[in-house]
C-alpha atoms as a PDB file:
ATOM      1  CA  UNK A   1     113.792 116.506  85.061  1.00  0.00           C
ATOM      2  CA  UNK A   2     111.922 113.246  85.013  1.00  0.00           C
ATOM      3  CA  UNK A   3     112.250 109.602  85.911  1.00  0.00           C
ATOM      4  CA  UNK A   4     111.385 107.272  83.021  1.00  0.00           C
ATOM      5  CA  UNK A   5     110.679 103.551  83.085  1.00  0.00           C
ATOM      6  CA  UNK A   6     110.101 101.327  80.060  1.00  0.00           C
ATOM      7  CA  UNK A   7     108.869  97.750  80.333  1.00  0.00           C
ATOM      8  CA  UNK A   8     109.028  95.585  77.225  1.00  0.00           C
ATOM      9  CA  UNK A   9     107.291  92.227  76.923  1.00  0.00           C
ATOM     10  CA  UNK A  10     108.271  90.051  73.962  1.00  0.00           C
ATOM     11  CA  UNK A  11     106.192  86.983  73.161  1.00  0.00           C
ATOM     12  CA  UNK A  12     107.794  83.849  71.612  1.00  0.00           C
ATOM     13  CA  UNK A  13     106.277  84.698  68.219  1.00  0.00           C
ATOM     14  CA  UNK A  14     107.915  88.136  68.263  1.00  0.00           C
ATOM     15  CA  UNK A  15     104.917  90.259  69.254  1.00  0.00           C
ATOM     16  CA  UNK A  16     106.126  93.077  71.462  1.00  0.00           C
ATOM     17  CA  UNK A  17     104.347  95.227  74.026  1.00  0.00           C
ATOM     18  CA  UNK A  18     106.115  98.378  75.209  1.00  0.00           C
ATOM     19  CA  UNK A  19     104.895 100.295  78.255  1.00  0.00           C
ATOM     20  CA  UNK A  20     106.408 103.641  79.252  1.00  0.00           C
ATOM     21  CA  UNK A  21     105.874 105.599  82.459  1.00  0.00           C
ATOM     22  CA  UNK A  22     107.192 109.016  83.426  1.00  0.00           C
ATOM     23  CA  UNK A  23     107.322 110.995  86.644  1.00  0.00           C
ATOM     24  CA  UNK A  24     108.186 114.645  85.972  1.00  0.00           C
ATOM     25  CA  UNK A  25     109.799 116.801  88.620  1.00  0.00           C
ATOM     26  CA  UNK A  26     112.840 118.863  89.448  1.00  0.00           C
ATOM     27  CA  UNK A  27     116.327 118.360  90.832  1.00  0.00           C
ATOM     28  CA  UNK A  28     117.244 120.057  94.117  1.00  0.00           C
ATOM     29  CA  UNK A  29     120.758 120.983  95.191  1.00  0.00           C
ATOM     30  CA  UNK A  30     120.893 119.369  98.646  1.00  0.00           C
ATOM     31  CA  UNK A  31     119.807 115.752  99.184  1.00  0.00           C
ATOM     32  CA  UNK A  32     116.887 115.324 101.598  1.00  0.00           C
ATOM     33  CA  UNK A  33     115.361 112.186 103.050  1.00  0.00           C
ATOM     34  CA  UNK A  34     116.530 108.681 103.815  1.00  0.00           C
ATOM     35  CA  UNK A  35     113.994 106.676 101.812  1.00  0.00           C
ATOM     36  CA  UNK A  36     114.616 105.217  98.397  1.00  0.00           C
ATOM     37  CA  UNK A  37     117.935 104.991  96.613  1.00  0.00           C
ATOM     38  CA  UNK A  38     119.960 106.564  93.824  1.00  0.00           C
ATOM     39  CA  UNK A  39     118.627 109.977  92.871  1.00  0.00           C
ATOM     40  CA  UNK A  40     115.560 109.812  95.145  1.00  0.00           C
ATOM     41  CA  UNK A  41     116.937 112.326  97.705  1.00  0.00           C
ATOM     42  CA  UNK A  42     117.494 115.017  95.050  1.00  0.00           C
ATOM     43  CA  UNK A  43     114.319 114.526  92.971  1.00  0.00           C
ATOM     44  CA  UNK A  44     111.097 116.389  93.848  1.00  0.00           C
ATOM     45  CA  UNK A  45     108.108 115.227  91.773  1.00  0.00           C
ATOM     46  CA  UNK A  46     105.785 117.833  90.262  1.00  0.00           C
ATOM     47  CA  UNK A  47     103.046 118.829  92.709  1.00  0.00           C
ATOM     48  CA  UNK A  48     105.070 117.882  95.784  1.00  0.00           C
ATOM     49  CA  UNK A  49     107.308 119.803  98.158  1.00  0.00           C
ATOM     50  CA  UNK A  50     109.209 116.699  99.318  1.00  0.00           C
ATOM     51  CA  UNK A  51     111.836 114.626  97.565  1.00  0.00           C
ATOM     52  CA  UNK A  52     111.320 110.968  96.681  1.00  0.00           C
ATOM     53  CA  UNK A  53     113.734 110.365  99.560  1.00  0.00           C
ATOM     54  CA  UNK A  54     111.206 111.933 101.953  1.00  0.00           C
ATOM     55  CA  UNK A  55     108.057 110.296 100.604  1.00  0.00           C
ATOM     56  CA  UNK A  56     106.797 107.061 102.093  1.00  0.00           C
ATOM     57  CA  UNK A  57     107.026 103.944  99.969  1.00  0.00           C
ATOM     58  CA  UNK A  58     103.237 104.037  99.524  1.00  0.00           C
ATOM     59  CA  UNK A  59     103.267 107.692  98.376  1.00  0.00           C
ATOM     60  CA  UNK A  60     106.113 107.079  95.973  1.00  0.00           C
ATOM     61  CA  UNK A  61     104.517 103.932  94.514  1.00  0.00           C
ATOM     62  CA  UNK A  62     101.364 105.913  93.686  1.00  0.00           C
ATOM     63  CA  UNK A  63     103.211 108.331  91.377  1.00  0.00           C
ATOM     64  CA  UNK A  64     106.410 106.591  90.346  1.00  0.00           C
ATOM     65  CA  UNK A  65     107.493 106.053  86.780  1.00  0.00           C
ATOM     66  CA  UNK A  66     107.558 102.309  87.428  1.00  0.00           C
ATOM     67  CA  UNK A  67     103.963 102.266  88.701  1.00  0.00           C
ATOM     68  CA  UNK A  68     102.834 104.241  85.652  1.00  0.00           C
ATOM     69  CA  UNK A  69     104.652 101.869  83.286  1.00  0.00           C
ATOM     70  CA  UNK A  70     103.037  98.878  85.004  1.00  0.00           C
ATOM     71  CA  UNK A  71      99.600 100.512  84.639  1.00  0.00           C
ATOM     72  CA  UNK A  72     100.223 100.946  80.911  1.00  0.00           C
ATOM     73  CA  UNK A  73     101.402  97.334  80.591  1.00  0.00           C
ATOM     74  CA  UNK A  74      98.281  96.126  82.410  1.00  0.00           C
ATOM     75  CA  UNK A  75      96.104  98.094  79.949  1.00  0.00           C
ATOM     76  CA  UNK A  76      98.041  96.741  76.944  1.00  0.00           C
ATOM     77  CA  UNK A  77      97.676  93.175  78.197  1.00  0.00           C
ATOM     78  CA  UNK A  78      93.928  93.647  78.714  1.00  0.00           C
ATOM     79  CA  UNK A  79      93.580  95.112  75.204  1.00  0.00           C
ATOM     80  CA  UNK A  80      95.514  92.194  73.731  1.00  0.00           C
ATOM     81  CA  UNK A  81      93.359  89.683  75.585  1.00  0.00           C
ATOM     82  CA  UNK A  82      90.152  91.351  74.378  1.00  0.00           C
ATOM     83  CA  UNK A  83      91.296  91.662  70.737  1.00  0.00           C
END
């Protein structure tokens, strides 16, 4: 299983930047934890023994699919600026 986030930035002239982030993991049968929302209580990211619902907001933001997509977008914007 994995969470996936895609951020697309379209400039007025039509230029498009697409940033994708993934957080691989596994689905567990019984929900655990009170943090987060949606599927967080049943998703355990690779390398962890706790669900997203058990991780602190800081821990989750370090590895989340959204954080990874934002990192890619930041890199793409820097590359565009330096081109």
